[in-house]
Amino acid sequence: MKKRKGQKNSEASQEDSPYISKNELDDAISKIKVRKALGEDEITGEMVKYSQEEDKQELLSLLNLIARKKETPKNYFQERR
């Protein structure tokens, strides 16, 4: 990526990295409140908060894919069920 005017080299290299880091995801997951109503996706806070590391990595990949393409992959959730 090109460096923006006034942007430091470290900032420019961050643009090439994932939109959401593993640490950011872990921090957000740690703040999830449990015992709340299901969302439209029928995923509970407990399911995310207590999921295996492999599942969290899959979630991180999905979130970064959505951020990069700026759209949700069609049929993503139906194919996974």
PDB file of N, CA and C in Angstrom:
ATOM      1  N   MET A   1       0.832  -1.171   0.000  1.00  0.00           N
ATOM      2  CA  MET A   1       0.000   0.000   0.000  1.00  0.00           C
ATOM      3  C   MET A   1       0.880   1.239   0.000  1.00  0.00           C
ATOM      4  N   LYS A   2       0.357   2.288  -0.612  1.00  0.00           N
ATOM      5  CA  LYS A   2       1.102   3.532  -0.632  1.00  0.00           C
ATOM      6  C   LYS A   2       0.984   4.221   0.716  1.00  0.00           C
ATOM      7  N   LYS A   3       2.052   4.906   1.054  1.00  0.00           N
ATOM      8  CA  LYS A   3       2.065   5.668   2.293  1.00  0.00           C
ATOM      9  C   LYS A   3       1.286   6.959   2.071  1.00  0.00           C
ATOM     10  N   ARG A   4       0.388   7.276   2.992  1.00  0.00           N
ATOM     11  CA  ARG A   4      -0.361   8.519   2.898  1.00  0.00           C
ATOM     12  C   ARG A   4       0.512   9.671   3.361  1.00  0.00           C
ATOM     13  N   LYS A   5       0.167  10.864   2.905  1.00  0.00           N
ATOM     14  CA  LYS A   5       0.911  12.057   3.302  1.00  0.00           C
ATOM     15  C   LYS A   5       0.900  12.187   4.821  1.00  0.00           C
ATOM     16  N   GLY A   6       2.066  12.354   5.419  1.00  0.00           N
ATOM     17  CA  GLY A   6       2.177  12.508   6.865  1.00  0.00           C
ATOM     18  C   GLY A   6       2.118  11.200   7.629  1.00  0.00           C
ATOM     19  N   GLN A   7       2.066  10.088   6.931  1.00  0.00           N
ATOM     20  CA  GLN A   7       1.959   8.775   7.580  1.00  0.00           C
ATOM     21  C   GLN A   7       3.345   8.178   7.777  1.00  0.00           C
ATOM     22  N   LYS A   8       3.574   7.649   8.945  1.00  0.00           N
ATOM     23  CA  LYS A   8       4.855   7.023   9.257  1.00  0.00           C
ATOM     24  C   LYS A   8       4.926   5.641   8.620  1.00  0.00           C
ATOM     25  N   ASN A   9       6.140   5.118   8.438  1.00  0.00           N
ATOM     26  CA  ASN A   9       6.324   3.789   7.850  1.00  0.00           C
ATOM     27  C   ASN A   9       5.583   2.720   8.628  1.00  0.00           C
ATOM     28  N   SER A  10       5.611   2.778   9.964  1.00  0.00           N
ATOM     29  CA  SER A  10       4.934   1.757  10.765  1.00  0.00           C
ATOM     30  C   SER A  10       3.432   1.798  10.543  1.00  0.00           C
ATOM     31  N   GLU A  11       2.877   2.998  10.337  1.00  0.00           N
ATOM     32  CA  GLU A  11       1.445   3.115  10.072  1.00  0.00           C
ATOM     33  C   GLU A  11       1.108   2.533   8.709  1.00  0.00           C
ATOM     34  N   ALA A  12       1.953   2.771   7.725  1.00  0.00           N
ATOM     35  CA  ALA A  12       1.710   2.246   6.385  1.00  0.00           C
ATOM     36  C   ALA A  12       1.742   0.732   6.392  1.00  0.00           C
ATOM     37  N   SER A  13       2.671   0.139   7.148  1.00  0.00           N
ATOM     38  CA  SER A  13       2.758  -1.316   7.181  1.00  0.00           C
ATOM     39  C   SER A  13       1.567  -1.930   7.908  1.00  0.00           C
ATOM     40  N   GLN A  14       0.943  -1.176   8.816  1.00  0.00           N
ATOM     41  CA  GLN A  14      -0.243  -1.683   9.504  1.00  0.00           C
ATOM     42  C   GLN A  14      -1.402  -1.853   8.533  1.00  0.00           C
ATOM     43  N   GLU A  15      -1.433  -1.046   7.472  1.00  0.00           N
ATOM     44  CA  GLU A  15      -2.494  -1.176   6.484  1.00  0.00           C
ATOM     45  C   GLU A  15      -2.417  -2.520   5.772  1.00  0.00           C
ATOM     46  N   ASP A  16      -1.216  -3.051   5.624  1.00  0.00           N
ATOM     47  CA  ASP A  16      -1.039  -4.327   4.950  1.00  0.00           C
ATOM     48  C   ASP A  16      -1.387  -5.500   5.857  1.00  0.00           C
ATOM     49  N   SER A  17      -1.420  -5.258   7.153  1.00  0.00           N
ATOM     50  CA  SER A  17      -1.729  -6.322   8.099  1.00  0.00           C
ATOM     51  C   SER A  17      -3.242  -6.515   8.166  1.00  0.00           C
ATOM     52  N   PRO A  18      -3.697  -7.562   8.850  1.00  0.00           N
ATOM     53  CA  PRO A  18      -5.138  -7.792   8.949  1.00  0.00           C
ATOM     54  C   PRO A  18      -5.854  -6.586   9.554  1.00  0.00           C
ATOM     55  N   TYR A  19      -7.101  -6.410   9.182  1.00  0.00           N
ATOM     56  CA  TYR A  19      -7.892  -5.317   9.716  1.00  0.00           C
ATOM     57  C   TYR A  19      -8.108  -5.495  11.218  1.00  0.00           C
ATOM     58  N   ILE A  20      -8.304  -6.716  11.635  1.00  0.00           N
ATOM     59  CA  ILE A  20      -8.544  -7.033  13.040  1.00  0.00           C
ATOM     60  C   ILE A  20      -7.455  -8.006  13.475  1.00  0.00           C
ATOM     61  N   SER A  21      -6.741  -7.638  14.520  1.00  0.00           N
ATOM     62  CA  SER A  21      -5.675  -8.514  15.007  1.00  0.00           C
ATOM     63  C   SER A  21      -6.253  -9.552  15.962  1.00  0.00           C
ATOM     64  N   LYS A  22      -5.490 -10.579  16.229  1.00  0.00           N
ATOM     65  CA  LYS A  22      -5.897 -11.622  17.183  1.00  0.00           C
ATOM     66  C   LYS A  22      -6.091 -11.009  18.562  1.00  0.00           C
ATOM     67  N   ASN A  23      -5.201 -10.090  18.944  1.00  0.00           N
ATOM     68  CA  ASN A  23      -5.327  -9.436  20.246  1.00  0.00           C
ATOM     69  C   ASN A  23      -6.606  -8.613  20.342  1.00  0.00           C
ATOM     70  N   GLU A  24      -6.957  -7.914  19.256  1.00  0.00           N
ATOM     71  CA  GLU A  24      -8.196  -7.132  19.254  1.00  0.00           C
ATOM     72  C   GLU A  24      -9.409  -8.043  19.389  1.00  0.00           C
ATOM     73  N   LEU A  25      -9.383  -9.164  18.686  1.00  0.00           N
ATOM     74  CA  LEU A  25     -10.489 -10.115  18.784  1.00  0.00           C
ATOM     75  C   LEU A  25     -10.586 -10.675  20.197  1.00  0.00           C
ATOM     76  N   ASP A  26      -9.460 -11.096  20.757  1.00  0.00           N
ATOM     77  CA  ASP A  26      -9.458 -11.639  22.118  1.00  0.00           C
ATOM     78  C   ASP A  26      -9.973 -10.615  23.126  1.00  0.00           C
ATOM     79  N   ASP A  27      -9.584  -9.360  22.948  1.00  0.00           N
ATOM     80  CA  ASP A  27     -10.041  -8.299  23.848  1.00  0.00           C
ATOM     81  C   ASP A  27     -11.558  -8.120  23.736  1.00  0.00           C
ATOM     82  N   ALA A  28     -12.067  -8.100  22.512  1.00  0.00           N
ATOM     83  CA  ALA A  28     -13.509  -7.951  22.307  1.00  0.00           C
ATOM     84  C   ALA A  28     -14.271  -9.142  22.876  1.00  0.00           C
ATOM     85  N   ILE A  29     -13.765 -10.343  22.660  1.00  0.00           N
ATOM     86  CA  ILE A  29     -14.425 -11.548  23.169  1.00  0.00           C
ATOM     87  C   ILE A  29     -14.452 -11.539  24.692  1.00  0.00           C
ATOM     88  N   SER A  30     -13.392 -11.064  25.309  1.00  0.00           N
ATOM     89  CA  SER A  30     -13.349 -11.043  26.778  1.00  0.00           C
ATOM     90  C   SER A  30     -14.405 -10.113  27.364  1.00  0.00           C
ATOM     91  N   LYS A  31     -14.885  -9.161  26.572  1.00  0.00           N
ATOM     92  CA  LYS A  31     -15.888  -8.203  27.040  1.00  0.00           C
ATOM     93  C   LYS A  31     -17.324  -8.645  26.760  1.00  0.00           C
ATOM     94  N   ILE A  32     -17.494  -9.778  26.096  1.00  0.00           N
ATOM     95  CA  ILE A  32     -18.838 -10.264  25.778  1.00  0.00           C
ATOM     96  C   ILE A  32     -19.573 -10.613  27.064  1.00  0.00           C
ATOM     97  N   LYS A  33     -20.791 -10.120  27.152  1.00  0.00           N
ATOM     98  CA  LYS A  33     -21.621 -10.446  28.311  1.00  0.00           C
ATOM     99  C   LYS A  33     -22.365 -11.739  28.016  1.00  0.00           C
ATOM    100  N   VAL A  34     -22.450 -12.578  29.006  1.00  0.00           N
ATOM    101  CA  VAL A  34     -23.142 -13.851  28.838  1.00  0.00           C
ATOM    102  C   VAL A  34     -24.567 -13.726  29.369  1.00  0.00           C
ATOM    103  N   ARG A  35     -25.367 -14.739  29.071  1.00  0.00           N
ATOM    104  CA  ARG A  35     -26.775 -14.785  29.475  1.00  0.00           C
ATOM    105  C   ARG A  35     -27.600 -13.657  28.870  1.00  0.00           C
ATOM    106  N   LYS A  36     -27.324 -13.361  27.625  1.00  0.00           N
ATOM    107  CA  LYS A  36     -28.087 -12.361  26.884  1.00  0.00           C
ATOM    108  C   LYS A  36     -28.882 -13.077  25.797  1.00  0.00           C
ATOM    109  N   ALA A  37     -29.870 -12.385  25.254  1.00  0.00           N
ATOM    110  CA  ALA A  37     -30.722 -12.968  24.219  1.00  0.00           C
ATOM    111  C   ALA A  37     -29.898 -13.286  22.964  1.00  0.00           C
ATOM    112  N   LEU A  38     -30.372 -14.288  22.240  1.00  0.00           N
ATOM    113  CA  LEU A  38     -29.735 -14.662  20.977  1.00  0.00           C
ATOM    114  C   LEU A  38     -29.855 -13.531  19.969  1.00  0.00           C
ATOM    115  N   GLY A  39     -28.868 -13.432  19.125  1.00  0.00           N
ATOM    116  CA  GLY A  39     -28.945 -12.490  18.022  1.00  0.00           C
ATOM    117  C   GLY A  39     -29.634 -13.153  16.839  1.00  0.00           C
ATOM    118  N   GLU A  40     -29.722 -12.424  15.754  1.00  0.00           N
ATOM    119  CA  GLU A  40     -30.353 -12.949  14.542  1.00  0.00           C
ATOM    120  C   GLU A  40     -29.643 -14.203  14.047  1.00  0.00           C
ATOM    121  N   ASP A  41     -28.348 -14.294  14.307  1.00  0.00           N
ATOM    122  CA  ASP A  41     -27.554 -15.440  13.863  1.00  0.00           C
ATOM    123  C   ASP A  41     -27.682 -16.652  14.786  1.00  0.00           C
ATOM    124  N   GLU A  42     -28.421 -16.489  15.894  1.00  0.00           N
ATOM    125  CA  GLU A  42     -28.654 -17.553  16.878  1.00  0.00           C
ATOM    126  C   GLU A  42     -27.372 -18.020  17.565  1.00  0.00           C
ATOM    127  N   ILE A  43     -26.391 -17.144  17.638  1.00  0.00           N
ATOM    128  CA  ILE A  43     -25.137 -17.448  18.329  1.00  0.00           C
ATOM    129  C   ILE A  43     -25.152 -16.724  19.667  1.00  0.00           C
ATOM    130  N   THR A  44     -24.948 -17.460  20.737  1.00  0.00           N
ATOM    131  CA  THR A  44     -24.943 -16.850  22.065  1.00  0.00           C
ATOM    132  C   THR A  44     -23.559 -16.299  22.395  1.00  0.00           C
ATOM    133  N   GLY A  45     -23.529 -15.390  23.349  1.00  0.00           N
ATOM    134  CA  GLY A  45     -22.254 -14.869  23.827  1.00  0.00           C
ATOM    135  C   GLY A  45     -21.384 -15.972  24.392  1.00  0.00           C
ATOM    136  N   GLU A  46     -22.027 -16.924  25.070  1.00  0.00           N
ATOM    137  CA  GLU A  46     -21.291 -18.045  25.649  1.00  0.00           C
ATOM    138  C   GLU A  46     -20.593 -18.874  24.575  1.00  0.00           C
ATOM    139  N   MET A  47     -21.280 -19.058  23.442  1.00  0.00           N
ATOM    140  CA  MET A  47     -20.701 -19.855  22.361  1.00  0.00           C
ATOM    141  C   MET A  47     -19.400 -19.229  21.861  1.00  0.00           C
ATOM    142  N   VAL A  48     -19.393 -17.919  21.747  1.00  0.00           N
ATOM    143  CA  VAL A  48     -18.193 -17.233  21.269  1.00  0.00           C
ATOM    144  C   VAL A  48     -17.136 -17.175  22.363  1.00  0.00           C
ATOM    145  N   LYS A  49     -17.563 -16.778  23.551  1.00  0.00           N
ATOM    146  CA  LYS A  49     -16.618 -16.564  24.650  1.00  0.00           C
ATOM    147  C   LYS A  49     -15.870 -17.835  25.042  1.00  0.00           C
ATOM    148  N   TYR A  50     -16.556 -18.958  25.004  1.00  0.00           N
ATOM    149  CA  TYR A  50     -15.938 -20.206  25.457  1.00  0.00           C
ATOM    150  C   TYR A  50     -15.579 -21.145  24.305  1.00  0.00           C
ATOM    151  N   SER A  51     -15.507 -20.610  23.092  1.00  0.00           N
ATOM    152  CA  SER A  51     -15.173 -21.443  21.937  1.00  0.00           C
ATOM    153  C   SER A  51     -13.689 -21.808  21.938  1.00  0.00           C
ATOM    154  N   GLN A  52     -13.381 -22.837  21.183  1.00  0.00           N
ATOM    155  CA  GLN A  52     -11.999 -23.312  21.058  1.00  0.00           C
ATOM    156  C   GLN A  52     -11.174 -22.303  20.253  1.00  0.00           C
ATOM    157  N   GLU A  53      -9.882 -22.339  20.427  1.00  0.00           N
ATOM    158  CA  GLU A  53      -8.972 -21.428  19.732  1.00  0.00           C
ATOM    159  C   GLU A  53      -9.119 -21.549  18.211  1.00  0.00           C
ATOM    160  N   GLU A  54      -9.310 -22.751  17.731  1.00  0.00           N
ATOM    161  CA  GLU A  54      -9.500 -23.001  16.296  1.00  0.00           C
ATOM    162  C   GLU A  54     -10.738 -22.261  15.774  1.00  0.00           C
ATOM    163  N   ASP A  55     -11.810 -22.255  16.566  1.00  0.00           N
ATOM    164  CA  ASP A  55     -13.034 -21.561  16.170  1.00  0.00           C
ATOM    165  C   ASP A  55     -12.840 -20.049  16.177  1.00  0.00           C
ATOM    166  N   LYS A  56     -12.086 -19.554  17.144  1.00  0.00           N
ATOM    167  CA  LYS A  56     -11.807 -18.118  17.209  1.00  0.00           C
ATOM    168  C   LYS A  56     -10.974 -17.686  16.007  1.00  0.00           C
ATOM    169  N   GLN A  57     -10.064 -18.529  15.570  1.00  0.00           N
ATOM    170  CA  GLN A  57      -9.256 -18.215  14.393  1.00  0.00           C
ATOM    171  C   GLN A  57     -10.137 -18.171  13.146  1.00  0.00           C
ATOM    172  N   GLU A  58     -11.095 -19.078  13.064  1.00  0.00           N
ATOM    173  CA  GLU A  58     -12.047 -19.082  11.942  1.00  0.00           C
ATOM    174  C   GLU A  58     -12.873 -17.794  11.948  1.00  0.00           C
ATOM    175  N   LEU A  59     -13.315 -17.374  13.132  1.00  0.00           N
ATOM    176  CA  LEU A  59     -14.070 -16.130  13.266  1.00  0.00           C
ATOM    177  C   LEU A  59     -13.215 -14.941  12.832  1.00  0.00           C
ATOM    178  N   LEU A  60     -11.972 -14.913  13.255  1.00  0.00           N
ATOM    179  CA  LEU A  60     -11.060 -13.830  12.879  1.00  0.00           C
ATOM    180  C   LEU A  60     -10.876 -13.778  11.360  1.00  0.00           C
ATOM    181  N   SER A  61     -10.714 -14.921  10.746  1.00  0.00           N
ATOM    182  CA  SER A  61     -10.567 -14.977   9.285  1.00  0.00           C
ATOM    183  C   SER A  61     -11.814 -14.449   8.594  1.00  0.00           C
ATOM    184  N   LEU A  62     -12.980 -14.833   9.098  1.00  0.00           N
ATOM    185  CA  LEU A  62     -14.242 -14.370   8.518  1.00  0.00           C
ATOM    186  C   LEU A  62     -14.380 -12.859   8.664  1.00  0.00           C
ATOM    187  N   LEU A  63     -14.110 -12.339   9.852  1.00  0.00           N
ATOM    188  CA  LEU A  63     -14.235 -10.897  10.077  1.00  0.00           C
ATOM    189  C   LEU A  63     -13.285 -10.109   9.186  1.00  0.00           C
ATOM    190  N   ASN A  64     -12.074 -10.598   9.016  1.00  0.00           N
ATOM    191  CA  ASN A  64     -11.121  -9.904   8.148  1.00  0.00           C
ATOM    192  C   ASN A  64     -11.512 -10.012   6.678  1.00  0.00           C
ATOM    193  N   LEU A  65     -12.101 -11.129   6.285  1.00  0.00           N
ATOM    194  CA  LEU A  65     -12.601 -11.274   4.917  1.00  0.00           C
ATOM    195  C   LEU A  65     -13.713 -10.264   4.656  1.00  0.00           C
ATOM    196  N   ILE A  66     -14.627 -10.144   5.603  1.00  0.00           N
ATOM    197  CA  ILE A  66     -15.728  -9.185   5.475  1.00  0.00           C
ATOM    198  C   ILE A  66     -15.180  -7.760   5.407  1.00  0.00           C
ATOM    199  N   ALA A  67     -14.220  -7.436   6.257  1.00  0.00           N
ATOM    200  CA  ALA A  67     -13.635  -6.090   6.261  1.00  0.00           C
ATOM    201  C   ALA A  67     -12.918  -5.796   4.948  1.00  0.00           C
ATOM    202  N   ARG A  68     -12.209  -6.772   4.438  1.00  0.00           N
ATOM    203  CA  ARG A  68     -11.444  -6.588   3.205  1.00  0.00           C
ATOM    204  C   ARG A  68     -12.367  -6.420   1.998  1.00  0.00           C
ATOM    205  N   LYS A  69     -13.390  -7.268   1.905  1.00  0.00           N
ATOM    206  CA  LYS A  69     -14.286  -7.230   0.744  1.00  0.00           C
ATOM    207  C   LYS A  69     -15.461  -6.286   0.931  1.00  0.00           C
ATOM    208  N   LYS A  70     -15.672  -5.849   2.179  1.00  0.00           N
ATOM    209  CA  LYS A  70     -16.774  -4.956   2.529  1.00  0.00           C
ATOM    210  C   LYS A  70     -18.138  -5.559   2.216  1.00  0.00           C
ATOM    211  N   GLU A  71     -18.231  -6.878   2.365  1.00  0.00           N
ATOM    212  CA  GLU A  71     -19.511  -7.576   2.215  1.00  0.00           C
ATOM    213  C   GLU A  71     -19.423  -8.940   2.886  1.00  0.00           C
ATOM    214  N   THR A  72     -20.577  -9.451   3.294  1.00  0.00           N
ATOM    215  CA  THR A  72     -20.637 -10.774   3.901  1.00  0.00           C
ATOM    216  C   THR A  72     -20.657 -11.811   2.784  1.00  0.00           C
ATOM    217  N   PRO A  73     -19.841 -12.853   2.880  1.00  0.00           N
ATOM    218  CA  PRO A  73     -19.862 -13.895   1.852  1.00  0.00           C
ATOM    219  C   PRO A  73     -21.259 -14.508   1.736  1.00  0.00           C
ATOM    220  N   LYS A  74     -21.738 -14.641   0.529  1.00  0.00           N
ATOM    221  CA  LYS A  74     -23.066 -15.230   0.314  1.00  0.00           C
ATOM    222  C   LYS A  74     -23.073 -16.671   0.796  1.00  0.00           C
ATOM    223  N   ASN A  75     -24.139 -17.056   1.457  1.00  0.00           N
ATOM    224  CA  ASN A  75     -24.356 -18.427   1.943  1.00  0.00           C
ATOM    225  C   ASN A  75     -23.297 -18.913   2.925  1.00  0.00           C
ATOM    226  N   TYR A  76     -22.533 -18.031   3.510  1.00  0.00           N
ATOM    227  CA  TYR A  76     -21.470 -18.458   4.428  1.00  0.00           C
ATOM    228  C   TYR A  76     -22.029 -19.275   5.581  1.00  0.00           C
ATOM    229  N   PHE A  77     -23.078 -18.762   6.208  1.00  0.00           N
ATOM    230  CA  PHE A  77     -23.609 -19.436   7.387  1.00  0.00           C
ATOM    231  C   PHE A  77     -24.389 -20.697   7.021  1.00  0.00           C
ATOM    232  N   GLN A  78     -25.083 -20.709   5.903  1.00  0.00           N
ATOM    233  CA  GLN A  78     -25.818 -21.901   5.495  1.00  0.00           C
ATOM    234  C   GLN A  78     -24.867 -23.048   5.176  1.00  0.00           C
ATOM    235  N   GLU A  79     -23.740 -22.754   4.567  1.00  0.00           N
ATOM    236  CA  GLU A  79     -22.775 -23.791   4.204  1.00  0.00           C
ATOM    237  C   GLU A  79     -22.094 -24.391   5.420  1.00  0.00           C
ATOM    238  N   ARG A  80     -22.009 -23.651   6.506  1.00  0.00           N
ATOM    239  CA  ARG A  80     -21.306 -24.095   7.701  1.00  0.00           C
ATOM    240  C   ARG A  80     -22.176 -24.961   8.611  1.00  0.00           C
ATOM    241  N   ARG A  81     -23.484 -24.938   8.424  1.00  0.00           N
ATOM    242  CA  ARG A  81     -24.387 -25.661   9.334  1.00  0.00           C
ATOM    243  C   ARG A  81     -24.438 -27.120   9.040  1.00  0.00           C
TER     244      ARG A  81
END
